[in-house]
Amino acid sequence: MPKKSQLRPIMALLRARLANDEQGATAIEYALIASGVGAAVAAAVYQLGSTAQGLYSHLSSLFG
């Protein structure tokens, strides 16, 4: 265990390292981008699904 006189400089060093570390911010940015892409893909699949359903209904009425 560090002595009480050594604790303050150690804490200052750790605080400075934490303030300069940007890996967490980068990970959050990538997560936001990935969630945006996922939402766009989900919206496209949902839209194409209803369009395909309409096409199959139309084709079925032509031959049925």
N, C-alpha and C. Protein backbone atom coordinates (compact mmCIF):
# COMPACT_ATOMS: atom_id res chain seq x y z
N MET A 1 0.85 -1.18 0.00
CA MET A 1 0.00 0.00 0.00
C MET A 1 0.89 1.23 0.00
N PRO A 2 0.66 2.19 -0.90
CA PRO A 2 1.49 3.39 -0.92
C PRO A 2 1.27 4.23 0.33
N LYS A 3 2.31 4.93 0.68
CA LYS A 3 2.19 5.84 1.82
C LYS A 3 1.26 6.99 1.46
N LYS A 4 0.77 7.66 2.48
CA LYS A 4 -0.18 8.75 2.26
C LYS A 4 0.45 9.87 1.42
N SER A 5 1.73 10.11 1.58
CA SER A 5 2.40 11.17 0.82
C SER A 5 2.56 10.79 -0.65
N GLN A 6 2.55 9.51 -0.97
CA GLN A 6 2.69 9.06 -2.35
C GLN A 6 1.34 8.95 -3.06
N LEU A 7 0.27 8.93 -2.32
CA LEU A 7 -1.04 8.69 -2.90
C LEU A 7 -1.51 9.84 -3.80
N ARG A 8 -1.25 11.07 -3.41
CA ARG A 8 -1.71 12.22 -4.19
C ARG A 8 -1.06 12.26 -5.58
N PRO A 9 0.26 12.11 -5.73
CA PRO A 9 0.84 12.10 -7.08
C PRO A 9 0.36 10.92 -7.93
N ILE A 10 0.16 9.78 -7.29
CA ILE A 10 -0.33 8.62 -8.03
C ILE A 10 -1.73 8.89 -8.56
N MET A 11 -2.59 9.45 -7.74
CA MET A 11 -3.95 9.77 -8.15
C MET A 11 -3.95 10.83 -9.27
N ALA A 12 -3.05 11.80 -9.18
CA ALA A 12 -2.95 12.83 -10.23
C ALA A 12 -2.52 12.19 -11.55
N LEU A 13 -1.59 11.25 -11.49
CA LEU A 13 -1.14 10.56 -12.69
C LEU A 13 -2.27 9.73 -13.30
N LEU A 14 -2.99 9.02 -12.48
CA LEU A 14 -4.11 8.21 -12.98
C LEU A 14 -5.21 9.10 -13.58
N ARG A 15 -5.48 10.22 -12.95
CA ARG A 15 -6.49 11.15 -13.46
C ARG A 15 -6.06 11.70 -14.83
N ALA A 16 -4.79 12.03 -14.97
CA ALA A 16 -4.29 12.56 -16.25
C ALA A 16 -4.37 11.49 -17.34
N ARG A 17 -4.04 10.25 -17.00
CA ARG A 17 -4.14 9.17 -17.99
C ARG A 17 -5.58 8.96 -18.42
N LEU A 18 -6.49 9.00 -17.47
CA LEU A 18 -7.89 8.80 -17.78
C LEU A 18 -8.43 9.93 -18.65
N ALA A 19 -8.02 11.14 -18.40
CA ALA A 19 -8.48 12.28 -19.18
C ALA A 19 -7.97 12.22 -20.62
N ASN A 20 -6.80 11.65 -20.83
CA ASN A 20 -6.21 11.57 -22.17
C ASN A 20 -6.66 10.34 -22.94
N ASP A 21 -7.33 9.40 -22.29
CA ASP A 21 -7.74 8.16 -22.95
C ASP A 21 -9.04 8.40 -23.70
N GLU A 22 -9.03 8.19 -25.02
CA GLU A 22 -10.21 8.42 -25.84
C GLU A 22 -10.77 7.13 -26.42
N GLN A 23 -10.32 5.99 -25.96
CA GLN A 23 -10.80 4.73 -26.51
C GLN A 23 -12.28 4.52 -26.23
N GLY A 24 -12.74 4.91 -25.06
CA GLY A 24 -14.15 4.75 -24.74
C GLY A 24 -15.03 5.59 -25.64
N ALA A 25 -14.61 6.81 -25.92
CA ALA A 25 -15.39 7.69 -26.80
C ALA A 25 -15.43 7.12 -28.21
N THR A 26 -14.34 6.56 -28.68
CA THR A 26 -14.31 5.96 -30.01
C THR A 26 -15.24 4.76 -30.07
N ALA A 27 -15.24 3.95 -29.03
CA ALA A 27 -16.12 2.78 -29.01
C ALA A 27 -17.58 3.21 -29.03
N ILE A 28 -17.92 4.27 -28.33
CA ILE A 28 -19.29 4.76 -28.32
C ILE A 28 -19.67 5.29 -29.71
N GLU A 29 -18.75 5.97 -30.36
CA GLU A 29 -19.03 6.48 -31.71
C GLU A 29 -19.29 5.33 -32.67
N TYR A 30 -18.47 4.29 -32.60
CA TYR A 30 -18.68 3.13 -33.47
C TYR A 30 -20.00 2.44 -33.16
N ALA A 31 -20.38 2.37 -31.90
CA ALA A 31 -21.65 1.75 -31.53
C ALA A 31 -22.82 2.55 -32.09
N LEU A 32 -22.73 3.88 -32.05
CA LEU A 32 -23.80 4.71 -32.61
C LEU A 32 -23.90 4.54 -34.13
N ILE A 33 -22.77 4.46 -34.80
CA ILE A 33 -22.77 4.24 -36.24
C ILE A 33 -23.39 2.88 -36.57
N ALA A 34 -22.99 1.85 -35.84
CA ALA A 34 -23.51 0.51 -36.08
C ALA A 34 -25.01 0.44 -35.82
N SER A 35 -25.48 1.13 -34.79
CA SER A 35 -26.92 1.10 -34.53
C SER A 35 -27.68 1.86 -35.62
N GLY A 36 -27.11 2.92 -36.15
CA GLY A 36 -27.75 3.63 -37.26
C GLY A 36 -27.84 2.77 -38.51
N VAL A 37 -26.77 2.07 -38.82
CA VAL A 37 -26.77 1.17 -39.98
C VAL A 37 -27.78 0.05 -39.76
N GLY A 38 -27.83 -0.49 -38.56
CA GLY A 38 -28.80 -1.54 -38.26
C GLY A 38 -30.23 -1.07 -38.41
N ALA A 39 -30.51 0.13 -37.97
CA ALA A 39 -31.86 0.68 -38.11
C ALA A 39 -32.21 0.88 -39.59
N ALA A 40 -31.25 1.33 -40.38
CA ALA A 40 -31.50 1.51 -41.82
C ALA A 40 -31.77 0.17 -42.51
N VAL A 41 -31.01 -0.84 -42.14
CA VAL A 41 -31.22 -2.17 -42.72
C VAL A 41 -32.59 -2.71 -42.32
N ALA A 42 -32.95 -2.55 -41.05
CA ALA A 42 -34.25 -3.03 -40.59
C ALA A 42 -35.39 -2.32 -41.32
N ALA A 43 -35.27 -1.02 -41.53
CA ALA A 43 -36.31 -0.27 -42.24
C ALA A 43 -36.41 -0.73 -43.70
N ALA A 44 -35.27 -0.98 -44.33
CA ALA A 44 -35.28 -1.43 -45.72
C ALA A 44 -35.91 -2.82 -45.85
N VAL A 45 -35.57 -3.71 -44.93
CA VAL A 45 -36.15 -5.06 -44.97
C VAL A 45 -37.65 -5.00 -44.73
N TYR A 46 -38.07 -4.17 -43.80
CA TYR A 46 -39.51 -4.03 -43.53
C TYR A 46 -40.24 -3.50 -44.76
N GLN A 47 -39.67 -2.49 -45.40
CA GLN A 47 -40.31 -1.90 -46.59
C GLN A 47 -40.33 -2.90 -47.74
N LEU A 48 -39.23 -3.59 -47.98
CA LEU A 48 -39.19 -4.56 -49.07
C LEU A 48 -40.10 -5.74 -48.81
N GLY A 49 -40.27 -6.08 -47.54
CA GLY A 49 -41.17 -7.19 -47.21
C GLY A 49 -42.60 -6.88 -47.59
N SER A 50 -43.07 -5.70 -47.28
CA SER A 50 -44.45 -5.35 -47.64
C SER A 50 -44.59 -5.16 -49.15
N THR A 51 -43.54 -4.68 -49.82
CA THR A 51 -43.58 -4.54 -51.28
C THR A 51 -43.63 -5.92 -51.94
N ALA A 52 -42.84 -6.84 -51.44
CA ALA A 52 -42.84 -8.20 -51.99
C ALA A 52 -44.18 -8.87 -51.76
N GLN A 53 -44.78 -8.65 -50.62
CA GLN A 53 -46.09 -9.23 -50.33
C GLN A 53 -47.13 -8.71 -51.33
N GLY A 54 -47.07 -7.41 -51.61
CA GLY A 54 -47.99 -6.83 -52.60
C GLY A 54 -47.78 -7.42 -53.98
N LEU A 55 -46.52 -7.64 -54.37
CA LEU A 55 -46.21 -8.23 -55.67
C LEU A 55 -46.75 -9.64 -55.77
N TYR A 56 -46.54 -10.45 -54.74
CA TYR A 56 -47.03 -11.83 -54.76
C TYR A 56 -48.55 -11.86 -54.76
N SER A 57 -49.20 -10.96 -54.08
CA SER A 57 -50.66 -10.89 -54.09
C SER A 57 -51.17 -10.54 -55.50
N HIS A 58 -50.49 -9.61 -56.14
CA HIS A 58 -50.87 -9.22 -57.50
C HIS A 58 -50.68 -10.39 -58.47
N LEU A 59 -49.54 -11.08 -58.39
CA LEU A 59 -49.29 -12.21 -59.26
C LEU A 59 -50.29 -13.34 -59.01
N SER A 60 -50.64 -13.54 -57.78
CA SER A 60 -51.59 -14.60 -57.44
C SER A 60 -52.98 -14.27 -58.01
N SER A 61 -53.35 -13.00 -58.02
CA SER A 61 -54.64 -12.63 -58.58
C SER A 61 -54.66 -12.77 -60.11
N LEU A 62 -53.50 -12.61 -60.75
CA LEU A 62 -53.43 -12.78 -62.21
C LEU A 62 -53.64 -14.23 -62.63
N PHE A 63 -53.09 -15.17 -61.84
CA PHE A 63 -53.16 -16.57 -62.22
C PHE A 63 -54.23 -17.33 -61.47
N GLY A 64 -54.93 -16.71 -60.56
CA GLY A 64 -55.87 -17.45 -59.73
C GLY A 64 -57.28 -17.32 -60.09
